[in-house]
Each structure stands twice: as C-alpha cells, then as structure tokens.
Amino acid sequence: MKKKELYSARFSRSNRTFFFDIKETVSGIVYLQISESKLVDDQFEHQRLSVFAESLDNFIDELAKAKYALRKISEQQHSEKKRKTQKR
C-alpha cells in the first residue's frame, strides 16, 4: 500500500517550485512534506522535508522566528548598501 495524499498546494518563483503536501503513511500517521524542485543544468533537483503533526507547532514557531530574522537582516543590509551608495 502506498502513501495517501490528503492535501496539496504549490507555488513557483523563478526556476523553483515549492510543494506543500499533507500525506498519510500506510500506518495512518499524518505529516506535512515540503518539497522544492528546481531546474539545474536541464535536470530537476528535488529536496524534501517531512514534519510530523506532533512537531508542527514548534516547526511553525521556529519558522516564524527565522522569517522575522531574515527580514530584519535583509532590511539592515539594504539600508547599509543604500547608505554606502549615497556617500559616493
């Protein structure tokens, strides 16, 4: 018996496509599988991450923290580049 797909969503940016699939194992365990597919040298590379239901809240909390940190760091870098450009 194979894994059962319960939900699927995706979005694409540039040469990458991200998939968010909720699956159920043959033993009935439900999990989220996040996959990335990207085109590299005329071939697709795939990366996958599985998050099980009992870890999902912690995963999302840490992901939200990482999102905040990434935006903050990105804004700081953008401000620094802008300041350096204005000094010229």
Protein backbone atom coordinates (compact mmCIF):
# COMPACT_ATOMS: atom_id res chain seq x y z
CA MET A 1 0.00 0.00 0.00
CA LYS A 2 1.36 3.46 -0.81
CA LYS A 3 1.20 6.80 0.97
CA LYS A 4 -2.08 8.65 0.71
CA GLU A 5 -2.04 12.34 -0.27
CA LEU A 6 -4.65 14.34 1.68
CA TYR A 7 -3.82 17.89 0.60
CA SER A 8 -1.53 19.56 -1.91
CA ALA A 9 -0.58 23.17 -2.72
CA ARG A 10 2.30 24.73 -4.62
CA PHE A 11 3.85 27.96 -5.77
CA SER A 12 6.64 28.82 -8.18
CA ARG A 13 9.31 31.51 -8.18
CA SER A 14 11.97 31.80 -10.84
CA ASN A 15 13.28 28.30 -11.54
CA ARG A 16 11.97 26.80 -8.27
CA THR A 17 8.65 25.23 -7.36
CA PHE A 18 7.64 24.54 -3.77
CA PHE A 19 5.08 21.89 -2.84
CA PHE A 20 3.21 21.57 0.45
CA ASP A 21 1.66 18.13 0.74
CA ILE A 22 -0.14 16.54 3.65
CA LYS A 23 0.26 12.79 3.45
CA GLU A 24 -0.71 9.76 5.44
CA THR A 25 1.59 6.77 5.88
CA VAL A 26 0.33 3.22 5.48
CA SER A 27 0.15 3.03 9.29
CA GLY A 28 -2.10 6.13 9.46
CA ILE A 29 0.46 8.73 10.57
CA VAL A 30 -0.23 12.16 9.04
CA TYR A 31 2.62 14.51 8.15
CA LEU A 32 3.48 17.59 6.11
CA GLN A 33 6.00 17.16 3.32
CA ILE A 34 7.60 20.33 1.95
CA SER A 35 9.39 19.80 -1.34
CA GLU A 36 11.47 22.02 -3.56
CA SER A 37 12.03 21.25 -7.20
CA LYS A 38 14.47 23.34 -9.20
CA LEU A 39 15.91 23.21 -12.66
CA VAL A 40 19.69 22.84 -12.69
CA ASP A 41 21.56 22.16 -15.92
CA ASP A 42 18.43 20.90 -17.70
CA GLN A 43 17.62 18.47 -14.88
CA PHE A 44 15.32 18.79 -11.89
CA GLU A 45 16.77 18.55 -8.39
CA HIS A 46 14.44 17.70 -5.53
CA GLN A 47 14.75 18.43 -1.82
CA ARG A 48 12.21 17.22 0.74
CA LEU A 49 11.47 17.91 4.38
CA SER A 50 8.90 15.99 6.42
CA VAL A 51 7.28 17.45 9.54
CA PHE A 52 5.05 15.22 11.63
CA ALA A 53 1.93 16.51 13.37
CA GLU A 54 3.42 16.41 16.88
CA SER A 55 6.26 18.72 15.79
CA LEU A 56 4.29 21.07 13.55
CA ASP A 57 3.57 23.81 16.11
CA ASN A 58 7.23 24.01 17.15
CA PHE A 59 8.32 23.94 13.50
CA ILE A 60 5.98 26.81 12.60
CA ASP A 61 7.10 28.83 15.65
CA GLU A 62 10.76 28.49 14.69
CA LEU A 63 9.97 29.18 11.04
CA ALA A 64 8.19 32.41 12.05
CA LYS A 65 11.25 33.45 14.08
CA ALA A 66 13.53 32.70 11.14
CA LYS A 67 11.22 34.68 8.83
CA TYR A 68 11.39 37.70 11.16
CA ALA A 69 15.20 37.42 11.44
CA LEU A 70 15.61 37.09 7.68
CA ARG A 71 13.52 40.19 7.01
CA LYS A 72 15.35 42.19 9.67
CA ILE A 73 18.78 41.19 8.36
CA SER A 74 17.71 41.85 4.77
CA GLU A 75 16.42 45.32 5.68
CA GLN A 76 19.67 46.11 7.53
CA GLN A 77 21.76 45.03 4.54
CA HIS A 78 19.58 47.06 2.18
CA SER A 79 19.96 50.14 4.41
CA GLU A 80 23.74 49.70 4.58
CA LYS A 81 24.05 49.38 0.80
CA LYS A 82 21.85 52.45 0.33
CA ARG A 83 24.00 54.44 2.78
CA LYS A 84 27.23 53.41 1.01
CA THR A 85 25.77 54.36 -2.38
CA GLN A 86 24.70 57.79 -1.09
CA LYS A 87 28.22 58.51 0.26
CA ARG A 88 29.77 58.22 -3.21
